[in-house]
Amino acid sequence: MMKIGEFEIYLKAVDDHKCPHCGDELSRRPRRLWQKAVSFAVPLRHYKCQSCYHRFFAMSPRWKQMKRGERWLRVAATGVVWLAGIYIVFRVLFGVLYAVMS
Protein backbone atom coordinates (compact mmCIF):
# COMPACT_ATOMS: atom_id res chain seq x y z
CA MET A 1 0.00 0.00 0.00
CA MET A 2 1.09 3.54 -0.75
CA LYS A 3 -0.34 6.75 0.64
CA ILE A 4 -0.42 9.96 -1.41
CA GLY A 5 -1.96 12.79 0.57
CA GLU A 6 -5.29 11.54 1.83
CA PHE A 7 -5.51 8.72 -0.72
CA GLU A 8 -4.47 5.13 -0.07
CA ILE A 9 -3.45 3.15 -3.13
CA TYR A 10 -3.16 -0.62 -3.04
CA LEU A 11 -0.81 -1.86 -5.74
CA LYS A 12 -2.58 -5.22 -5.97
CA ALA A 13 -6.00 -5.84 -7.45
CA VAL A 14 -8.94 -6.46 -5.13
CA ASP A 15 -10.27 -9.57 -6.87
CA ASP A 16 -12.65 -10.80 -4.19
CA HIS A 17 -14.19 -7.34 -3.43
CA LYS A 18 -13.41 -7.63 0.28
CA CYS A 19 -12.21 -4.74 2.43
CA PRO A 20 -8.53 -5.07 3.40
CA HIS A 21 -9.32 -3.58 6.84
CA CYS A 22 -12.43 -5.44 8.01
CA GLY A 23 -13.09 -8.06 5.30
CA ASP A 24 -16.64 -6.88 4.50
CA GLU A 25 -18.18 -6.17 1.10
CA LEU A 26 -16.84 -3.30 -1.04
CA SER A 27 -18.69 -1.00 -3.40
CA ARG A 28 -17.20 0.92 -6.32
CA ARG A 29 -17.18 4.71 -5.98
CA PRO A 30 -17.64 7.19 -8.81
CA ARG A 31 -14.41 8.86 -9.87
CA ARG A 32 -13.70 12.55 -10.37
CA LEU A 33 -12.56 13.81 -13.77
CA TRP A 34 -8.86 13.93 -12.81
CA GLN A 35 -9.11 10.39 -11.42
CA LYS A 36 -10.54 9.17 -14.72
CA ALA A 37 -7.69 10.84 -16.61
CA VAL A 38 -5.06 9.24 -14.39
CA SER A 39 -6.77 5.85 -14.40
CA PHE A 40 -6.51 5.64 -18.20
CA ALA A 41 -2.74 5.27 -17.89
CA VAL A 42 -2.75 3.35 -14.62
CA PRO A 43 -6.17 1.75 -14.21
CA LEU A 44 -7.11 2.39 -10.60
CA ARG A 45 -10.52 1.65 -9.16
CA HIS A 46 -12.04 3.65 -6.33
CA TYR A 47 -13.60 1.53 -3.56
CA LYS A 48 -15.49 2.17 -0.33
CA CYS A 49 -16.26 -0.38 2.36
CA GLN A 50 -19.94 -0.56 3.25
CA SER A 51 -19.37 -1.27 6.94
CA CYS A 52 -16.19 0.54 8.07
CA TYR A 53 -16.39 3.29 5.36
CA HIS A 54 -12.72 2.83 4.47
CA ARG A 55 -12.01 4.51 1.10
CA PHE A 56 -9.09 3.56 -1.13
CA PHE A 57 -7.89 2.92 -4.66
CA ALA A 58 -6.75 -0.46 -5.96
CA MET A 59 -5.37 -1.68 -9.27
CA SER A 60 -7.85 -3.00 -11.79
CA PRO A 61 -7.66 -6.77 -12.33
CA ARG A 62 -7.54 -6.06 -16.10
CA TRP A 63 -4.12 -4.36 -15.75
CA LYS A 64 -2.44 -7.73 -15.21
CA GLN A 65 -4.24 -9.20 -18.22
CA MET A 66 -3.01 -6.48 -20.63
CA LYS A 67 0.01 -7.07 -22.79
CA ARG A 68 3.11 -5.03 -22.01
CA GLY A 69 2.82 -3.11 -25.29
CA GLU A 70 -0.75 -2.05 -24.49
CA ARG A 71 0.29 -0.84 -21.04
CA TRP A 72 3.10 1.29 -22.49
CA LEU A 73 0.79 2.64 -25.18
CA ARG A 74 -1.74 3.73 -22.54
CA VAL A 75 0.94 5.46 -20.46
CA ALA A 76 2.44 7.18 -23.53
CA ALA A 77 -0.98 8.32 -24.80
CA THR A 78 -1.85 9.75 -21.39
CA GLY A 79 1.47 11.60 -21.27
CA VAL A 80 0.80 13.15 -24.68
CA VAL A 81 -2.70 14.23 -23.64
CA TRP A 82 -1.39 15.77 -20.40
CA LEU A 83 1.37 17.65 -22.26
CA ALA A 84 -1.13 18.92 -24.84
CA GLY A 85 -3.42 20.10 -22.04
CA ILE A 86 -0.57 21.93 -20.30
CA TYR A 87 0.44 23.53 -23.61
CA ILE A 88 -3.11 24.74 -24.24
CA VAL A 89 -3.44 26.19 -20.74
CA PHE A 90 -0.15 28.10 -21.03
CA ARG A 91 -0.97 29.23 -24.57
CA VAL A 92 -4.30 30.70 -23.41
CA LEU A 93 -2.73 32.20 -20.29
CA PHE A 94 0.08 33.91 -22.20
CA GLY A 95 -2.39 35.06 -24.87
CA VAL A 96 -4.50 36.76 -22.20
CA LEU A 97 -1.42 38.29 -20.57
CA TYR A 98 -0.19 39.56 -23.94
CA ALA A 99 -3.59 41.11 -24.67
CA VAL A 100 -3.65 42.82 -21.26
CA MET A 101 -0.10 44.15 -21.57
CA SER A 102 -0.64 45.58 -25.08
C-alpha atoms as a PDB file:
ATOM      1  CA  MET A   1       0.000   0.000   0.000  1.00  0.00           C
ATOM      2  CA  MET A   2       1.090   3.544  -0.752  1.00  0.00           C
ATOM      3  CA  LYS A   3      -0.340   6.746   0.636  1.00  0.00           C
ATOM      4  CA  ILE A   4      -0.417   9.956  -1.413  1.00  0.00           C
ATOM      5  CA  GLY A   5      -1.962  12.786   0.571  1.00  0.00           C
ATOM      6  CA  GLU A   6      -5.295  11.540   1.825  1.00  0.00           C
ATOM      7  CA  PHE A   7      -5.508   8.721  -0.719  1.00  0.00           C
ATOM      8  CA  GLU A   8      -4.467   5.125  -0.069  1.00  0.00           C
ATOM      9  CA  ILE A   9      -3.451   3.155  -3.131  1.00  0.00           C
ATOM     10  CA  TYR A  10      -3.162  -0.622  -3.041  1.00  0.00           C
ATOM     11  CA  LEU A  11      -0.807  -1.860  -5.741  1.00  0.00           C
ATOM     12  CA  LYS A  12      -2.577  -5.221  -5.967  1.00  0.00           C
ATOM     13  CA  ALA A  13      -6.002  -5.840  -7.453  1.00  0.00           C
ATOM     14  CA  VAL A  14      -8.937  -6.463  -5.130  1.00  0.00           C
ATOM     15  CA  ASP A  15     -10.272  -9.565  -6.866  1.00  0.00           C
ATOM     16  CA  ASP A  16     -12.648 -10.798  -4.194  1.00  0.00           C
ATOM     17  CA  HIS A  17     -14.190  -7.340  -3.426  1.00  0.00           C
ATOM     18  CA  LYS A  18     -13.411  -7.633   0.279  1.00  0.00           C
ATOM     19  CA  CYS A  19     -12.209  -4.737   2.434  1.00  0.00           C
ATOM     20  CA  PRO A  20      -8.526  -5.068   3.399  1.00  0.00           C
ATOM     21  CA  HIS A  21      -9.322  -3.582   6.843  1.00  0.00           C
ATOM     22  CA  CYS A  22     -12.435  -5.437   8.008  1.00  0.00           C
ATOM     23  CA  GLY A  23     -13.091  -8.059   5.302  1.00  0.00           C
ATOM     24  CA  ASP A  24     -16.643  -6.885   4.497  1.00  0.00           C
ATOM     25  CA  GLU A  25     -18.184  -6.168   1.096  1.00  0.00           C
ATOM     26  CA  LEU A  26     -16.843  -3.298  -1.045  1.00  0.00           C
ATOM     27  CA  SER A  27     -18.689  -1.004  -3.396  1.00  0.00           C
ATOM     28  CA  ARG A  28     -17.203   0.917  -6.319  1.00  0.00           C
ATOM     29  CA  ARG A  29     -17.184   4.705  -5.978  1.00  0.00           C
ATOM     30  CA  PRO A  30     -17.644   7.192  -8.809  1.00  0.00           C
ATOM     31  CA  ARG A  31     -14.406   8.861  -9.868  1.00  0.00           C
ATOM     32  CA  ARG A  32     -13.703  12.545 -10.374  1.00  0.00           C
ATOM     33  CA  LEU A  33     -12.555  13.811 -13.765  1.00  0.00           C
ATOM     34  CA  TRP A  34      -8.858  13.932 -12.807  1.00  0.00           C
ATOM     35  CA  GLN A  35      -9.108  10.393 -11.415  1.00  0.00           C
ATOM     36  CA  LYS A  36     -10.537   9.173 -14.723  1.00  0.00           C
ATOM     37  CA  ALA A  37      -7.694  10.843 -16.612  1.00  0.00           C
ATOM     38  CA  VAL A  38      -5.062   9.244 -14.394  1.00  0.00           C
ATOM     39  CA  SER A  39      -6.767   5.850 -14.403  1.00  0.00           C
ATOM     40  CA  PHE A  40      -6.514   5.639 -18.197  1.00  0.00           C
ATOM     41  CA  ALA A  41      -2.741   5.271 -17.889  1.00  0.00           C
ATOM     42  CA  VAL A  42      -2.746   3.352 -14.620  1.00  0.00           C
ATOM     43  CA  PRO A  43      -6.173   1.753 -14.210  1.00  0.00           C
ATOM     44  CA  LEU A  44      -7.110   2.391 -10.603  1.00  0.00           C
ATOM     45  CA  ARG A  45     -10.520   1.647  -9.164  1.00  0.00           C
ATOM     46  CA  HIS A  46     -12.042   3.648  -6.325  1.00  0.00           C
ATOM     47  CA  TYR A  47     -13.601   1.525  -3.560  1.00  0.00           C
ATOM     48  CA  LYS A  48     -15.486   2.173  -0.329  1.00  0.00           C
ATOM     49  CA  CYS A  49     -16.261  -0.378   2.361  1.00  0.00           C
ATOM     50  CA  GLN A  50     -19.944  -0.565   3.247  1.00  0.00           C
ATOM     51  CA  SER A  51     -19.372  -1.266   6.939  1.00  0.00           C
ATOM     52  CA  CYS A  52     -16.187   0.543   8.074  1.00  0.00           C
ATOM     53  CA  TYR A  53     -16.391   3.289   5.364  1.00  0.00           C
ATOM     54  CA  HIS A  54     -12.716   2.832   4.471  1.00  0.00           C
ATOM     55  CA  ARG A  55     -12.015   4.507   1.098  1.00  0.00           C
ATOM     56  CA  PHE A  56      -9.090   3.555  -1.125  1.00  0.00           C
ATOM     57  CA  PHE A  57      -7.888   2.921  -4.661  1.00  0.00           C
ATOM     58  CA  ALA A  58      -6.747  -0.458  -5.964  1.00  0.00           C
ATOM     59  CA  MET A  59      -5.366  -1.680  -9.268  1.00  0.00           C
ATOM     60  CA  SER A  60      -7.855  -2.999 -11.790  1.00  0.00           C
ATOM     61  CA  PRO A  61      -7.655  -6.769 -12.334  1.00  0.00           C
ATOM     62  CA  ARG A  62      -7.536  -6.056 -16.098  1.00  0.00           C
ATOM     63  CA  TRP A  63      -4.125  -4.362 -15.748  1.00  0.00           C
ATOM     64  CA  LYS A  64      -2.437  -7.730 -15.215  1.00  0.00           C
ATOM     65  CA  GLN A  65      -4.238  -9.203 -18.223  1.00  0.00           C
ATOM     66  CA  MET A  66      -3.014  -6.484 -20.630  1.00  0.00           C
ATOM     67  CA  LYS A  67       0.014  -7.070 -22.788  1.00  0.00           C
ATOM     68  CA  ARG A  68       3.107  -5.026 -22.007  1.00  0.00           C
ATOM     69  CA  GLY A  69       2.819  -3.110 -25.292  1.00  0.00           C
ATOM     70  CA  GLU A  70      -0.746  -2.047 -24.490  1.00  0.00           C
ATOM     71  CA  ARG A  71       0.294  -0.841 -21.040  1.00  0.00           C
ATOM     72  CA  TRP A  72       3.103   1.289 -22.485  1.00  0.00           C
ATOM     73  CA  LEU A  73       0.790   2.640 -25.180  1.00  0.00           C
ATOM     74  CA  ARG A  74      -1.735   3.735 -22.539  1.00  0.00           C
ATOM     75  CA  VAL A  75       0.944   5.458 -20.462  1.00  0.00           C
ATOM     76  CA  ALA A  76       2.439   7.179 -23.529  1.00  0.00           C
ATOM     77  CA  ALA A  77      -0.981   8.319 -24.802  1.00  0.00           C
ATOM     78  CA  THR A  78      -1.849   9.746 -21.393  1.00  0.00           C
ATOM     79  CA  GLY A  79       1.466  11.602 -21.270  1.00  0.00           C
ATOM     80  CA  VAL A  80       0.799  13.146 -24.679  1.00  0.00           C
ATOM     81  CA  VAL A  81      -2.704  14.225 -23.636  1.00  0.00           C
ATOM     82  CA  TRP A  82      -1.389  15.770 -20.401  1.00  0.00           C
ATOM     83  CA  LEU A  83       1.368  17.645 -22.264  1.00  0.00           C
ATOM     84  CA  ALA A  84      -1.126  18.916 -24.842  1.00  0.00           C
ATOM     85  CA  GLY A  85      -3.420  20.097 -22.043  1.00  0.00           C
ATOM     86  CA  ILE A  86      -0.572  21.932 -20.304  1.00  0.00           C
ATOM     87  CA  TYR A  87       0.443  23.527 -23.612  1.00  0.00           C
ATOM     88  CA  ILE A  88      -3.115  24.742 -24.240  1.00  0.00           C
ATOM     89  CA  VAL A  89      -3.436  26.194 -20.741  1.00  0.00           C
ATOM     90  CA  PHE A  90      -0.151  28.097 -21.032  1.00  0.00           C
ATOM     91  CA  ARG A  91      -0.969  29.234 -24.570  1.00  0.00           C
ATOM     92  CA  VAL A  92      -4.304  30.704 -23.414  1.00  0.00           C
ATOM     93  CA  LEU A  93      -2.733  32.199 -20.287  1.00  0.00           C
ATOM     94  CA  PHE A  94       0.077  33.912 -22.200  1.00  0.00           C
ATOM     95  CA  GLY A  95      -2.394  35.063 -24.873  1.00  0.00           C
ATOM     96  CA  VAL A  96      -4.503  36.758 -22.205  1.00  0.00           C
ATOM     97  CA  LEU A  97      -1.424  38.289 -20.566  1.00  0.00           C
ATOM     98  CA  TYR A  98      -0.188  39.562 -23.939  1.00  0.00           C
ATOM     99  CA  ALA A  99      -3.589  41.110 -24.669  1.00  0.00           C
ATOM    100  CA  VAL A 100      -3.650  42.821 -21.257  1.00  0.00           C
ATOM    101  CA  MET A 101      -0.099  44.146 -21.566  1.00  0.00           C
ATOM    102  CA  SER A 102      -0.642  45.581 -25.082  1.00  0.00           C
END
